[in-house]
PDB file of N, CA and C in Angstrom:
ATOM      1  N   UNK A   1      -4.188  13.854  58.684  1.00  0.00           N
ATOM      2  CA  UNK A   1      -3.224  12.786  58.764  1.00  0.00           C
ATOM      3  C   UNK A   1      -3.934  11.446  58.706  1.00  0.00           C
ATOM      4  N   UNK A   2      -3.209  10.450  58.254  1.00  0.00           N
ATOM      5  CA  UNK A   2      -3.767   9.117  58.120  1.00  0.00           C
ATOM      6  C   UNK A   2      -3.819   8.432  59.486  1.00  0.00           C
ATOM      7  N   UNK A   3      -4.808   7.575  59.687  1.00  0.00           N
ATOM      8  CA  UNK A   3      -4.884   6.862  60.963  1.00  0.00           C
ATOM      9  C   UNK A   3      -3.724   5.879  61.100  1.00  0.00           C
ATOM     10  N   UNK A   4      -3.309   5.659  62.321  1.00  0.00           N
ATOM     11  CA  UNK A   4      -2.190   4.755  62.600  1.00  0.00           C
ATOM     12  C   UNK A   4      -2.614   3.306  62.372  1.00  0.00           C
ATOM     13  N   UNK A   5      -1.682   2.487  61.913  1.00  0.00           N
ATOM     14  CA  UNK A   5      -1.970   1.064  61.695  1.00  0.00           C
ATOM     15  C   UNK A   5      -1.954   0.323  63.021  1.00  0.00           C
ATOM     16  N   UNK A   6      -2.756  -0.701  63.095  1.00  0.00           N
ATOM     17  CA  UNK A   6      -2.761  -1.539  64.279  1.00  0.00           C
ATOM     18  C   UNK A   6      -1.576  -2.483  64.234  1.00  0.00           C
ATOM     19  N   UNK A   7      -1.073  -2.888  65.374  1.00  0.00           N
ATOM     20  CA  UNK A   7       0.117  -3.733  65.457  1.00  0.00           C
ATOM     21  C   UNK A   7      -0.096  -5.141  64.955  1.00  0.00           C
ATOM     22  N   UNK A   8      -1.329  -5.655  64.901  1.00  0.00           N
ATOM     23  CA  UNK A   8      -1.584  -7.038  64.531  1.00  0.00           C
ATOM     24  C   UNK A   8      -1.524  -7.303  63.033  1.00  0.00           C
ATOM     25  N   UNK A   9      -1.598  -6.244  62.190  1.00  0.00           N
ATOM     26  CA  UNK A   9      -1.607  -6.453  60.748  1.00  0.00           C
ATOM     27  C   UNK A   9      -0.191  -6.699  60.226  1.00  0.00           C
ATOM     28  N   UNK A  10      -0.082  -7.610  59.256  1.00  0.00           N
ATOM     29  CA  UNK A  10       1.206  -7.882  58.646  1.00  0.00           C
ATOM     30  C   UNK A  10       1.144  -7.542  57.172  1.00  0.00           C
ATOM     31  N   UNK A  11       2.278  -7.104  56.644  1.00  0.00           N
ATOM     32  CA  UNK A  11       2.349  -6.794  55.225  1.00  0.00           C
ATOM     33  C   UNK A  11       2.452  -8.092  54.435  1.00  0.00           C
ATOM     34  N   UNK A  12       2.158  -8.018  53.130  1.00  0.00           N
ATOM     35  CA  UNK A  12       2.298  -9.167  52.252  1.00  0.00           C
ATOM     36  C   UNK A  12       3.767  -9.479  52.024  1.00  0.00           C
ATOM     37  N   UNK A  13       4.051 -10.666  51.523  1.00  0.00           N
ATOM     38  CA  UNK A  13       5.437 -11.066  51.303  1.00  0.00           C
ATOM     39  C   UNK A  13       6.009 -10.310  50.104  1.00  0.00           C
ATOM     40  N   UNK A  14       7.306 -10.111  50.117  1.00  0.00           N
ATOM     41  CA  UNK A  14       7.991  -9.391  49.058  1.00  0.00           C
ATOM     42  C   UNK A  14       8.122 -10.273  47.822  1.00  0.00           C
ATOM     43  N   UNK A  15       7.994  -9.663  46.637  1.00  0.00           N
ATOM     44  CA  UNK A  15       8.097 -10.410  45.385  1.00  0.00           C
ATOM     45  C   UNK A  15       9.500 -10.337  44.800  1.00  0.00           C
ATOM     46  N   UNK A  16      10.449  -9.773  45.520  1.00  0.00           N
ATOM     47  CA  UNK A  16      11.801  -9.623  45.002  1.00  0.00           C
ATOM     48  C   UNK A  16      12.480 -10.975  44.856  1.00  0.00           C
ATOM     49  N   UNK A  17      12.131 -11.951  45.666  1.00  0.00           N
ATOM     50  CA  UNK A  17      12.791 -13.250  45.636  1.00  0.00           C
ATOM     51  C   UNK A  17      12.116 -14.254  44.704  1.00  0.00           C
ATOM     52  N   UNK A  18      11.204 -13.797  43.859  1.00  0.00           N
ATOM     53  CA  UNK A  18      10.501 -14.690  42.949  1.00  0.00           C
ATOM     54  C   UNK A  18      11.018 -14.519  41.529  1.00  0.00           C
ATOM     55  N   UNK A  19      10.920 -15.574  40.738  1.00  0.00           N
ATOM     56  CA  UNK A  19      11.261 -15.494  39.323  1.00  0.00           C
ATOM     57  C   UNK A  19      10.093 -14.829  38.593  1.00  0.00           C
ATOM     58  N   UNK A  20      10.415 -13.789  37.814  1.00  0.00           N
ATOM     59  CA  UNK A  20       9.380 -13.036  37.117  1.00  0.00           C
ATOM     60  C   UNK A  20       9.953 -12.528  35.802  1.00  0.00           C
ATOM     61  N   UNK A  21       9.065 -12.276  34.829  1.00  0.00           N
ATOM     62  CA  UNK A  21       9.481 -11.763  33.529  1.00  0.00           C
ATOM     63  C   UNK A  21       8.674 -10.513  33.217  1.00  0.00           C
ATOM     64  N   UNK A  22       9.374  -9.450  32.785  1.00  0.00           N
ATOM     65  CA  UNK A  22       8.723  -8.188  32.432  1.00  0.00           C
ATOM     66  C   UNK A  22       9.256  -7.698  31.098  1.00  0.00           C
ATOM     67  N   UNK A  23       8.404  -7.006  30.359  1.00  0.00           N
ATOM     68  CA  UNK A  23       8.845  -6.310  29.155  1.00  0.00           C
ATOM     69  C   UNK A  23       8.785  -4.821  29.438  1.00  0.00           C
ATOM     70  N   UNK A  24       9.867  -4.140  29.109  1.00  0.00           N
ATOM     71  CA  UNK A  24       9.968  -2.728  29.422  1.00  0.00           C
ATOM     72  C   UNK A  24      10.721  -2.020  28.310  1.00  0.00           C
ATOM     73  N   UNK A  25      10.503  -0.720  28.166  1.00  0.00           N
ATOM     74  CA  UNK A  25      11.209   0.089  27.172  1.00  0.00           C
ATOM     75  C   UNK A  25      12.294   0.896  27.875  1.00  0.00           C
ATOM     76  N   UNK A  26      13.504   0.877  27.301  1.00  0.00           N
ATOM     77  CA  UNK A  26      14.630   1.625  27.854  1.00  0.00           C
ATOM     78  C   UNK A  26      14.837   2.853  26.980  1.00  0.00           C
ATOM     79  N   UNK A  27      14.831   4.031  27.587  1.00  0.00           N
ATOM     80  CA  UNK A  27      15.112   5.265  26.876  1.00  0.00           C
ATOM     81  C   UNK A  27      16.627   5.463  26.865  1.00  0.00           C
ATOM     82  N   UNK A  28      17.266   4.986  25.810  1.00  0.00           N
ATOM     83  CA  UNK A  28      18.717   5.069  25.712  1.00  0.00           C
ATOM     84  C   UNK A  28      19.156   6.506  25.455  1.00  0.00           C
ATOM     85  N   UNK A  29      18.360   7.261  24.717  1.00  0.00           N
ATOM     86  CA  UNK A  29      18.709   8.642  24.384  1.00  0.00           C
ATOM     87  C   UNK A  29      18.929   9.477  25.642  1.00  0.00           C
ATOM     88  N   UNK A  30      18.088   9.264  26.637  1.00  0.00           N
ATOM     89  CA  UNK A  30      18.222   9.982  27.907  1.00  0.00           C
ATOM     90  C   UNK A  30      19.513   9.617  28.624  1.00  0.00           C
ATOM     91  N   UNK A  31      19.941   8.370  28.476  1.00  0.00           N
ATOM     92  CA  UNK A  31      21.110   7.885  29.212  1.00  0.00           C
ATOM     93  C   UNK A  31      22.437   8.186  28.541  1.00  0.00           C
ATOM     94  N   UNK A  32      22.441   8.501  27.239  1.00  0.00           N
ATOM     95  CA  UNK A  32      23.693   8.843  26.565  1.00  0.00           C
ATOM     96  C   UNK A  32      23.786  10.334  26.263  1.00  0.00           C
ATOM     97  N   UNK A  33      22.820  11.127  26.711  1.00  0.00           N
ATOM     98  CA  UNK A  33      22.859  12.571  26.488  1.00  0.00           C
ATOM     99  C   UNK A  33      24.056  13.177  27.214  1.00  0.00           C
ATOM    100  N   UNK A  34      24.808  13.988  26.506  1.00  0.00           N
ATOM    101  CA  UNK A  34      25.963  14.637  27.100  1.00  0.00           C
ATOM    102  C   UNK A  34      27.242  13.823  27.016  1.00  0.00           C
ATOM    103  N   UNK A  35      27.184  12.654  26.401  1.00  0.00           N
ATOM    104  CA  UNK A  35      28.353  11.798  26.252  1.00  0.00           C
ATOM    105  C   UNK A  35      28.901  12.013  24.845  1.00  0.00           C
ATOM    106  N   UNK A  36      30.206  11.945  24.680  1.00  0.00           N
ATOM    107  CA  UNK A  36      30.814  12.117  23.369  1.00  0.00           C
ATOM    108  C   UNK A  36      30.311  11.099  22.368  1.00  0.00           C
ATOM    109  N   UNK A  37      30.320  11.494  21.077  1.00  0.00           N
ATOM    110  CA  UNK A  37      29.789  10.624  20.035  1.00  0.00           C
ATOM    111  C   UNK A  37      30.432   9.241  20.032  1.00  0.00           C
ATOM    112  N   UNK A  38      31.720   9.171  20.198  1.00  0.00           N
ATOM    113  CA  UNK A  38      32.427   7.900  20.092  1.00  0.00           C
ATOM    114  C   UNK A  38      32.245   7.006  21.312  1.00  0.00           C
ATOM    115  N   UNK A  39      31.427   7.449  22.248  1.00  0.00           N
ATOM    116  CA  UNK A  39      31.164   6.644  23.442  1.00  0.00           C
ATOM    117  C   UNK A  39      29.682   6.317  23.601  1.00  0.00           C
ATOM    118  N   UNK A  40      28.851   6.615  22.595  1.00  0.00           N
ATOM    119  CA  UNK A  40      27.411   6.388  22.727  1.00  0.00           C
ATOM    120  C   UNK A  40      27.065   4.907  22.909  1.00  0.00           C
ATOM    121  N   UNK A  41      27.511   4.045  22.011  1.00  0.00           N
ATOM    122  CA  UNK A  41      27.160   2.615  22.105  1.00  0.00           C
ATOM    123  C   UNK A  41      27.755   1.958  23.344  1.00  0.00           C
ATOM    124  N   UNK A  42      29.037   2.210  23.688  1.00  0.00           N
ATOM    125  CA  UNK A  42      29.541   1.604  24.928  1.00  0.00           C
ATOM    126  C   UNK A  42      28.802   2.086  26.164  1.00  0.00           C
ATOM    127  N   UNK A  43      28.427   3.362  26.211  1.00  0.00           N
ATOM    128  CA  UNK A  43      27.684   3.877  27.373  1.00  0.00           C
ATOM    129  C   UNK A  43      26.294   3.270  27.426  1.00  0.00           C
ATOM    130  N   UNK A  44      25.662   3.082  26.276  1.00  0.00           N
ATOM    131  CA  UNK A  44      24.332   2.473  26.252  1.00  0.00           C
ATOM    132  C   UNK A  44      24.379   1.062  26.827  1.00  0.00           C
ATOM    133  N   UNK A  45      25.432   0.308  26.484  1.00  0.00           N
ATOM    134  CA  UNK A  45      25.557  -1.051  27.025  1.00  0.00           C
ATOM    135  C   UNK A  45      25.855  -1.048  28.518  1.00  0.00           C
ATOM    136  N   UNK A  46      26.463   0.009  29.028  1.00  0.00           N
ATOM    137  CA  UNK A  46      26.705   0.108  30.472  1.00  0.00           C
ATOM    138  C   UNK A  46      25.462   0.563  31.224  1.00  0.00           C
ATOM    139  N   UNK A  47      24.607   1.330  30.556  1.00  0.00           N
ATOM    140  CA  UNK A  47      23.415   1.859  31.213  1.00  0.00           C
ATOM    141  C   UNK A  47      22.261   0.862  31.252  1.00  0.00           C
ATOM    142  N   UNK A  48      22.239  -0.116  30.372  1.00  0.00           N
ATOM    143  CA  UNK A  48      21.157  -1.112  30.381  1.00  0.00           C
ATOM    144  C   UNK A  48      21.168  -1.926  31.674  1.00  0.00           C
ATOM    145  N   UNK A  49      22.318  -2.422  32.174  1.00  0.00           N
ATOM    146  CA  UNK A  49      22.295  -3.097  33.480  1.00  0.00           C
ATOM    147  C   UNK A  49      21.911  -2.165  34.628  1.00  0.00           C
ATOM    148  N   UNK A  50      22.288  -0.897  34.541  1.00  0.00           N
ATOM    149  CA  UNK A  50      21.887   0.062  35.583  1.00  0.00           C
ATOM    150  C   UNK A  50      20.371   0.191  35.631  1.00  0.00           C
ATOM    151  N   UNK A  51      19.736   0.299  34.464  1.00  0.00           N
ATOM    152  CA  UNK A  51      18.270   0.359  34.377  1.00  0.00           C
ATOM    153  C   UNK A  51      17.650  -0.930  34.916  1.00  0.00           C
ATOM    154  N   UNK A  52      18.254  -2.066  34.569  1.00  0.00           N
ATOM    155  CA  UNK A  52      17.728  -3.366  34.978  1.00  0.00           C
ATOM    156  C   UNK A  52      17.796  -3.550  36.489  1.00  0.00           C
ATOM    157  N   UNK A  53      18.905  -3.153  37.096  1.00  0.00           N
ATOM    158  CA  UNK A  53      19.054  -3.265  38.550  1.00  0.00           C
ATOM    159  C   UNK A  53      18.004  -2.413  39.252  1.00  0.00           C
ATOM    160  N   UNK A  54      17.756  -1.223  38.722  1.00  0.00           N
ATOM    161  CA  UNK A  54      16.758  -0.339  39.319  1.00  0.00           C
ATOM    162  C   UNK A  54      15.344  -0.912  39.198  1.00  0.00           C
ATOM    163  N   UNK A  55      15.043  -1.521  38.049  1.00  0.00           N
ATOM    164  CA  UNK A  55      13.703  -2.061  37.818  1.00  0.00           C
ATOM    165  C   UNK A  55      13.442  -3.353  38.585  1.00  0.00           C
ATOM    166  N   UNK A  56      14.429  -4.245  38.625  1.00  0.00           N
ATOM    167  CA  UNK A  56      14.192  -5.598  39.129  1.00  0.00           C
ATOM    168  C   UNK A  56      14.825  -5.881  40.489  1.00  0.00           C
ATOM    169  N   UNK A  57      15.650  -4.980  41.002  1.00  0.00           N
ATOM    170  CA  UNK A  57      16.251  -5.104  42.338  1.00  0.00           C
ATOM    171  C   UNK A  57      17.071  -6.377  42.508  1.00  0.00           C
ATOM    172  N   UNK A  58      17.835  -6.740  41.483  1.00  0.00           N
ATOM    173  CA  UNK A  58      18.757  -7.870  41.546  1.00  0.00           C
ATOM    174  C   UNK A  58      20.065  -7.427  40.907  1.00  0.00           C
ATOM    175  N   UNK A  59      21.193  -7.735  41.554  1.00  0.00           N
ATOM    176  CA  UNK A  59      22.474  -7.192  41.117  1.00  0.00           C
ATOM    177  C   UNK A  59      23.140  -7.965  39.990  1.00  0.00           C
ATOM    178  N   UNK A  60      22.817  -9.226  39.800  1.00  0.00           N
ATOM    179  CA  UNK A  60      23.470 -10.059  38.792  1.00  0.00           C
ATOM    180  C   UNK A  60      22.706  -9.932  37.472  1.00  0.00           C
ATOM    181  N   UNK A  61      23.328  -9.290  36.454  1.00  0.00           N
ATOM    182  CA  UNK A  61      22.653  -9.008  35.184  1.00  0.00           C
ATOM    183  C   UNK A  61      23.467  -9.592  34.035  1.00  0.00           C
ATOM    184  N   UNK A  62      22.787 -10.313  33.129  1.00  0.00           N
ATOM    185  CA  UNK A  62      23.407 -10.843  31.920  1.00  0.00           C
ATOM    186  C   UNK A  62      22.675 -10.255  30.713  1.00  0.00           C
ATOM    187  N   UNK A  63      23.443  -9.709  29.751  1.00  0.00           N
ATOM    188  CA  UNK A  63      22.852  -9.129  28.545  1.00  0.00           C
ATOM    189  C   UNK A  63      23.022 -10.121  27.401  1.00  0.00           C
ATOM    190  N   UNK A  64      21.928 -10.399  26.707  1.00  0.00           N
ATOM    191  CA  UNK A  64      21.945 -11.326  25.584  1.00  0.00           C
ATOM    192  C   UNK A  64      22.667 -10.695  24.393  1.00  0.00           C
ATOM    193  N   UNK A  65      23.277 -11.531  23.549  1.00  0.00           N
ATOM    194  CA  UNK A  65      24.025 -11.011  22.403  1.00  0.00           C
ATOM    195  C   UNK A  65      23.123 -10.332  21.380  1.00  0.00           C
ATOM    196  N   UNK A  66      21.853 -10.742  21.303  1.00  0.00           N
ATOM    197  CA  UNK A  66      20.938 -10.093  20.359  1.00  0.00           C
ATOM    198  C   UNK A  66      20.728  -8.618  20.731  1.00  0.00           C
ATOM    199  N   UNK A  67      20.671  -8.323  22.011  1.00  0.00           N
ATOM    200  CA  UNK A  67      20.522  -6.933  22.453  1.00  0.00           C
ATOM    201  C   UNK A  67      21.787  -6.134  22.151  1.00  0.00           C
ATOM    202  N   UNK A  68      22.942  -6.749  22.335  1.00  0.00           N
ATOM    203  CA  UNK A  68      24.198  -6.060  22.018  1.00  0.00           C
ATOM    204  C   UNK A  68      24.284  -5.755  20.527  1.00  0.00           C
ATOM    205  N   UNK A  69      23.834  -6.678  19.689  1.00  0.00           N
ATOM    206  CA  UNK A  69      23.850  -6.451  18.247  1.00  0.00           C
ATOM    207  C   UNK A  69      22.905  -5.324  17.850  1.00  0.00           C
ATOM    208  N   UNK A  70      21.760  -5.213  18.507  1.00  0.00           N
ATOM    209  CA  UNK A  70      20.807  -4.144  18.202  1.00  0.00           C
ATOM    210  C   UNK A  70      21.391  -2.789  18.597  1.00  0.00           C
ATOM    211  N   UNK A  71      22.062  -2.719  19.739  1.00  0.00           N
ATOM    212  CA  UNK A  71      22.657  -1.453  20.179  1.00  0.00           C
ATOM    213  C   UNK A  71      23.749  -1.021  19.206  1.00  0.00           C
ATOM    214  N   UNK A  72      24.557  -1.955  18.744  1.00  0.00           N
ATOM    215  CA  UNK A  72      25.670  -1.637  17.851  1.00  0.00           C
ATOM    216  C   UNK A  72      25.260  -1.615  16.381  1.00  0.00           C
ATOM    217  N   UNK A  73      24.010  -1.896  16.022  1.00  0.00           N
ATOM    218  CA  UNK A  73      23.597  -2.051  14.625  1.00  0.00           C
ATOM    219  C   UNK A  73      23.814  -0.788  13.797  1.00  0.00           C
ATOM    220  N   UNK A  74      23.605   0.377  14.365  1.00  0.00           N
ATOM    221  CA  UNK A  74      23.744   1.628  13.615  1.00  0.00           C
ATOM    222  C   UNK A  74      25.089   2.309  13.859  1.00  0.00           C
ATOM    223  N   UNK A  75      26.007   1.581  14.459  1.00  0.00           N
ATOM    224  CA  UNK A  75      27.343   2.127  14.665  1.00  0.00           C
ATOM    225  C   UNK A  75      27.544   2.645  16.078  1.00  0.00           C
ATOM    226  N   UNK A  76      28.724   3.194  16.315  1.00  0.00           N
ATOM    227  CA  UNK A  76      29.081   3.647  17.664  1.00  0.00           C
ATOM    228  C   UNK A  76      28.384   4.955  18.015  1.00  0.00           C
ATOM    229  N   UNK A  77      28.086   5.796  17.015  1.00  0.00           N
ATOM    230  CA  UNK A  77      27.525   7.117  17.288  1.00  0.00           C
ATOM    231  C   UNK A  77      26.009   7.151  17.267  1.00  0.00           C
ATOM    232  N   UNK A  78      25.388   6.410  16.351  1.00  0.00           N
ATOM    233  CA  UNK A  78      23.952   6.535  16.089  1.00  0.00           C
ATOM    234  C   UNK A  78      23.152   5.443  16.777  1.00  0.00           C
ATOM    235  N   UNK A  79      23.136   5.456  18.078  1.00  0.00           N
ATOM    236  CA  UNK A  79      22.377   4.472  18.851  1.00  0.00           C
ATOM    237  C   UNK A  79      20.898   4.854  18.801  1.00  0.00           C
ATOM    238  N   UNK A  80      20.013   3.862  18.689  1.00  0.00           N
ATOM    239  CA  UNK A  80      18.579   4.143  18.643  1.00  0.00           C
ATOM    240  C   UNK A  80      18.115   4.775  19.953  1.00  0.00           C
ATOM    241  N   UNK A  81      17.071   5.588  19.889  1.00  0.00           N
ATOM    242  CA  UNK A  81      16.600   6.342  21.048  1.00  0.00           C
ATOM    243  C   UNK A  81      15.962   5.446  22.102  1.00  0.00           C
ATOM    244  N   UNK A  82      15.169   4.478  21.663  1.00  0.00           N
ATOM    245  CA  UNK A  82      14.476   3.570  22.576  1.00  0.00           C
ATOM    246  C   UNK A  82      14.753   2.134  22.184  1.00  0.00           C
ATOM    247  N   UNK A  83      14.687   1.241  23.156  1.00  0.00           N
ATOM    248  CA  UNK A  83      14.808  -0.187  22.908  1.00  0.00           C
ATOM    249  C   UNK A  83      13.865  -0.921  23.851  1.00  0.00           C
ATOM    250  N   UNK A  84      13.117  -1.852  23.311  1.00  0.00           N
ATOM    251  CA  UNK A  84      12.215  -2.669  24.120  1.00  0.00           C
ATOM    252  C   UNK A  84      12.971  -3.913  24.554  1.00  0.00           C
ATOM    253  N   UNK A  85      12.991  -4.185  25.848  1.00  0.00           N
ATOM    254  CA  UNK A  85      13.731  -5.325  26.380  1.00  0.00           C
ATOM    255  C   UNK A  85      12.823  -6.193  27.237  1.00  0.00           C
ATOM    256  N   UNK A  86      13.208  -7.448  27.364  1.00  0.00           N
ATOM    257  CA  UNK A  86      12.518  -8.386  28.249  1.00  0.00           C
ATOM    258  C   UNK A  86      13.467  -8.718  29.382  1.00  0.00           C
ATOM    259  N   UNK A  87      13.010  -8.498  30.612  1.00  0.00           N
ATOM    260  CA  UNK A  87      13.816  -8.738  31.807  1.00  0.00           C
ATOM    261  C   UNK A  87      13.297 -10.001  32.487  1.00  0.00           C
ATOM    262  N   UNK A  88      14.115 -11.047  32.481  1.00  0.00           N
ATOM    263  CA  UNK A  88      13.725 -12.327  33.089  1.00  0.00           C
ATOM    264  C   UNK A  88      14.549 -12.553  34.344  1.00  0.00           C
ATOM    265  N   UNK A  89      13.909 -12.532  35.496  1.00  0.00           N
ATOM    266  CA  UNK A  89      14.601 -12.871  36.738  1.00  0.00           C
ATOM    267  C   UNK A  89      14.493 -14.374  36.933  1.00  0.00           C
ATOM    268  N   UNK A  90      15.659 -15.033  36.998  1.00  0.00           N
ATOM    269  CA  UNK A  90      15.692 -16.495  37.086  1.00  0.00           C
ATOM    270  C   UNK A  90      16.530 -16.930  38.269  1.00  0.00           C
ATOM    271  N   UNK A  91      16.358 -18.196  38.668  1.00  0.00           N
ATOM    272  CA  UNK A  91      17.153 -18.756  39.745  1.00  0.00           C
ATOM    273  C   UNK A  91      18.555 -19.049  39.243  1.00  0.00           C
ATOM    274  N   UNK A  92      19.548 -18.723  40.054  1.00  0.00           N
ATOM    275  CA  UNK A  92      20.943 -18.927  39.689  1.00  0.00           C
ATOM    276  C   UNK A  92      21.341 -20.364  40.025  1.00  0.00           C
ATOM    277  N   UNK A  93      21.846 -21.088  39.038  1.00  0.00           N
ATOM    278  CA  UNK A  93      22.229 -22.484  39.239  1.00  0.00           C
ATOM    279  C   UNK A  93      23.678 -22.630  39.669  1.00  0.00           C
ATOM    280  N   UNK A  94      24.418 -21.541  39.650  1.00  0.00           N
ATOM    281  CA  UNK A  94      25.821 -21.561  40.059  1.00  0.00           C
ATOM    282  C   UNK A  94      25.890 -21.452  41.576  1.00  0.00           C
ATOM    283  N   UNK A  95      26.423 -22.487  42.241  1.00  0.00           N
ATOM    284  CA  UNK A  95      26.469 -22.484  43.704  1.00  0.00           C
ATOM    285  C   UNK A  95      27.487 -21.481  44.246  1.00  0.00           C
ATOM    286  N   UNK A  96      28.495 -21.138  43.447  1.00  0.00           N
ATOM    287  CA  UNK A  96      29.540 -20.229  43.912  1.00  0.00           C
ATOM    288  C   UNK A  96      29.092 -18.769  43.903  1.00  0.00           C
ATOM    289  N   UNK A  97      28.030 -18.473  43.205  1.00  0.00           N
ATOM    290  CA  UNK A  97      27.566 -17.094  43.096  1.00  0.00           C
ATOM    291  C   UNK A  97      26.929 -16.628  44.403  1.00  0.00           C
ATOM    292  N   UNK A  98      27.218 -15.402  44.846  1.00  0.00           N
ATOM    293  CA  UNK A  98      26.608 -14.906  46.079  1.00  0.00           C
ATOM    294  C   UNK A  98      25.129 -14.559  45.915  1.00  0.00           C
ATOM    295  N   UNK A  99      24.662 -14.374  44.664  1.00  0.00           N
ATOM    296  CA  UNK A  99      23.266 -14.013  44.411  1.00  0.00           C
ATOM    297  C   UNK A  99      22.442 -15.256  44.092  1.00  0.00           C
ATOM    298  N   UNK A 100      21.249 -15.342  44.674  1.00  0.00           N
ATOM    299  CA  UNK A 100      20.372 -16.469  44.407  1.00  0.00           C
ATOM    300  C   UNK A 100      19.690 -16.337  43.050  1.00  0.00           C
ATOM    301  N   UNK A 101      19.505 -15.104  42.585  1.00  0.00           N
ATOM    302  CA  UNK A 101      18.800 -14.855  41.336  1.00  0.00           C
ATOM    303  C   UNK A 101      19.678 -14.044  40.391  1.00  0.00           C
ATOM    304  N   UNK A 102      19.404 -14.172  39.090  1.00  0.00           N
ATOM    305  CA  UNK A 102      20.062 -13.331  38.102  1.00  0.00           C
ATOM    306  C   UNK A 102      19.016 -12.862  37.098  1.00  0.00           C
ATOM    307  N   UNK A 103      19.372 -11.832  36.318  1.00  0.00           N
ATOM    308  CA  UNK A 103      18.451 -11.273  35.337  1.00  0.00           C
ATOM    309  C   UNK A 103      19.048 -11.455  33.953  1.00  0.00           C
ATOM    310  N   UNK A 104      18.261 -11.998  33.033  1.00  0.00           N
ATOM    311  CA  UNK A 104      18.648 -12.119  31.641  1.00  0.00           C
ATOM    312  C   UNK A 104      17.888 -11.056  30.856  1.00  0.00           C
ATOM    313  N   UNK A 105      18.630 -10.181  30.160  1.00  0.00           N
ATOM    314  CA  UNK A 105      18.032  -9.085  29.404  1.00  0.00           C
ATOM    315  C   UNK A 105      18.118  -9.440  27.928  1.00  0.00           C
ATOM    316  N   UNK A 106      16.954  -9.536  27.255  1.00  0.00           N
ATOM    317  CA  UNK A 106      16.911  -9.866  25.835  1.00  0.00           C
ATOM    318  C   UNK A 106      16.155  -8.781  25.075  1.00  0.00           C
ATOM    319  N   UNK A 107      16.341  -8.751  23.771  1.00  0.00           N
ATOM    320  CA  UNK A 107      15.724  -7.755  22.901  1.00  0.00           C
ATOM    321  C   UNK A 107      14.350  -8.221  22.444  1.00  0.00           C
ATOM    322  N   UNK A 108      13.389  -7.275  22.401  1.00  0.00           N
ATOM    323  CA  UNK A 108      12.047  -7.543  21.889  1.00  0.00           C
ATOM    324  C   UNK A 108      11.792  -6.552  20.763  1.00  0.00           C
ATOM    325  N   UNK A 109      11.456  -7.053  19.582  1.00  0.00           N
ATOM    326  CA  UNK A 109      11.232  -6.179  18.430  1.00  0.00           C
ATOM    327  C   UNK A 109       9.828  -5.581  18.482  1.00  0.00           C
ATOM    328  N   UNK A 110       9.737  -4.252  18.355  1.00  0.00           N
ATOM    329  CA  UNK A 110       8.459  -3.548  18.249  1.00  0.00           C
ATOM    330  C   UNK A 110       8.571  -2.537  17.119  1.00  0.00           C
ATOM    331  N   UNK A 111       7.424  -2.176  16.526  1.00  0.00           N
ATOM    332  CA  UNK A 111       7.448  -1.217  15.422  1.00  0.00           C
ATOM    333  C   UNK A 111       7.355   0.225  15.909  1.00  0.00           C
ATOM    334  N   UNK A 112       6.603   0.466  16.976  1.00  0.00           N
ATOM    335  CA  UNK A 112       6.444   1.830  17.493  1.00  0.00           C
ATOM    336  C   UNK A 112       6.482   1.798  19.018  1.00  0.00           C
ATOM    337  N   UNK A 113       6.912   2.907  19.609  1.00  0.00           N
ATOM    338  CA  UNK A 113       7.037   2.989  21.064  1.00  0.00           C
ATOM    339  C   UNK A 113       5.938   3.832  21.703  1.00  0.00           C
ATOM    340  N   UNK A 114       4.950   4.245  20.932  1.00  0.00           N
ATOM    341  CA  UNK A 114       3.860   5.041  21.476  1.00  0.00           C
ATOM    342  C   UNK A 114       3.000   4.203  22.412  1.00  0.00           C
ATOM    343  N   UNK A 115       2.705   4.739  23.576  1.00  0.00           N
ATOM    344  CA  UNK A 115       1.795   4.149  24.564  1.00  0.00           C
ATOM    345  C   UNK A 115       2.225   2.760  25.033  1.00  0.00           C
ATOM    346  N   UNK A 116       3.518   2.478  25.048  1.00  0.00           N
ATOM    347  CA  UNK A 116       4.003   1.213  25.583  1.00  0.00           C
ATOM    348  C   UNK A 116       4.166   1.315  27.087  1.00  0.00           C
ATOM    349  N   UNK A 117       3.764   0.297  27.785  1.00  0.00           N
ATOM    350  CA  UNK A 117       3.874   0.248  29.232  1.00  0.00           C
ATOM    351  C   UNK A 117       4.717  -0.977  29.625  1.00  0.00           C
ATOM    352  N   UNK A 118       5.207  -0.971  30.856  1.00  0.00           N
ATOM    353  CA  UNK A 118       5.878  -2.148  31.382  1.00  0.00           C
ATOM    354  C   UNK A 118       4.825  -3.217  31.646  1.00  0.00           C
ATOM    355  N   UNK A 119       5.082  -4.425  31.126  1.00  0.00           N
ATOM    356  CA  UNK A 119       4.101  -5.495  31.198  1.00  0.00           C
ATOM    357  C   UNK A 119       4.725  -6.717  31.839  1.00  0.00           C
ATOM    358  N   UNK A 120       4.014  -7.345  32.765  1.00  0.00           N
ATOM    359  CA  UNK A 120       4.444  -8.627  33.315  1.00  0.00           C
ATOM    360  C   UNK A 120       4.054  -9.722  32.336  1.00  0.00           C
ATOM    361  N   UNK A 121       5.015 -10.581  31.999  1.00  0.00           N
ATOM    362  CA  UNK A 121       4.778 -11.659  31.045  1.00  0.00           C
ATOM    363  C   UNK A 121       4.539 -12.931  31.828  1.00  0.00           C
ATOM    364  N   UNK A 122       3.481 -13.658  31.456  1.00  0.00           N
ATOM    365  CA  UNK A 122       3.166 -14.922  32.092  1.00  0.00           C
ATOM    366  C   UNK A 122       3.936 -16.008  31.358  1.00  0.00           C
ATOM    367  N   UNK A 123       4.798 -16.723  32.096  1.00  0.00           N
ATOM    368  CA  UNK A 123       5.579 -17.794  31.486  1.00  0.00           C
ATOM    369  C   UNK A 123       4.752 -19.062  31.416  1.00  0.00           C
ATOM    370  N   UNK A 124       5.000 -19.841  30.374  1.00  0.00           N
ATOM    371  CA  UNK A 124       4.236 -21.076  30.192  1.00  0.00           C
ATOM    372  C   UNK A 124       4.963 -22.252  30.759  1.00  0.00           C
TER     373      UNK A 124
END
């Protein structure tokens, strides 16, 4: 068994409340498996915020129109298997919103999905 921690040590601060940008690949094929053909594209658009909430731990998600166009590009039935997305957690400027942060999901074009990892993007 591992030794017990001493009471005087403190953990580092949580990064959930910070603005951060990540690039990640979404396996859409896994998320629409078992769904009827005529519901593939709508289900894919519903599953992208679910993936985003799980990855970034923020409930307010906005999907960019470029990503919606990519999902619908091959029609309602033939959704692409993978999609590379950029997840930007930003400060919410709307005072009425209960969430301090929101996530903007945009499309990133890549030629191949082999050996792609989730990457933190440094903003300029």
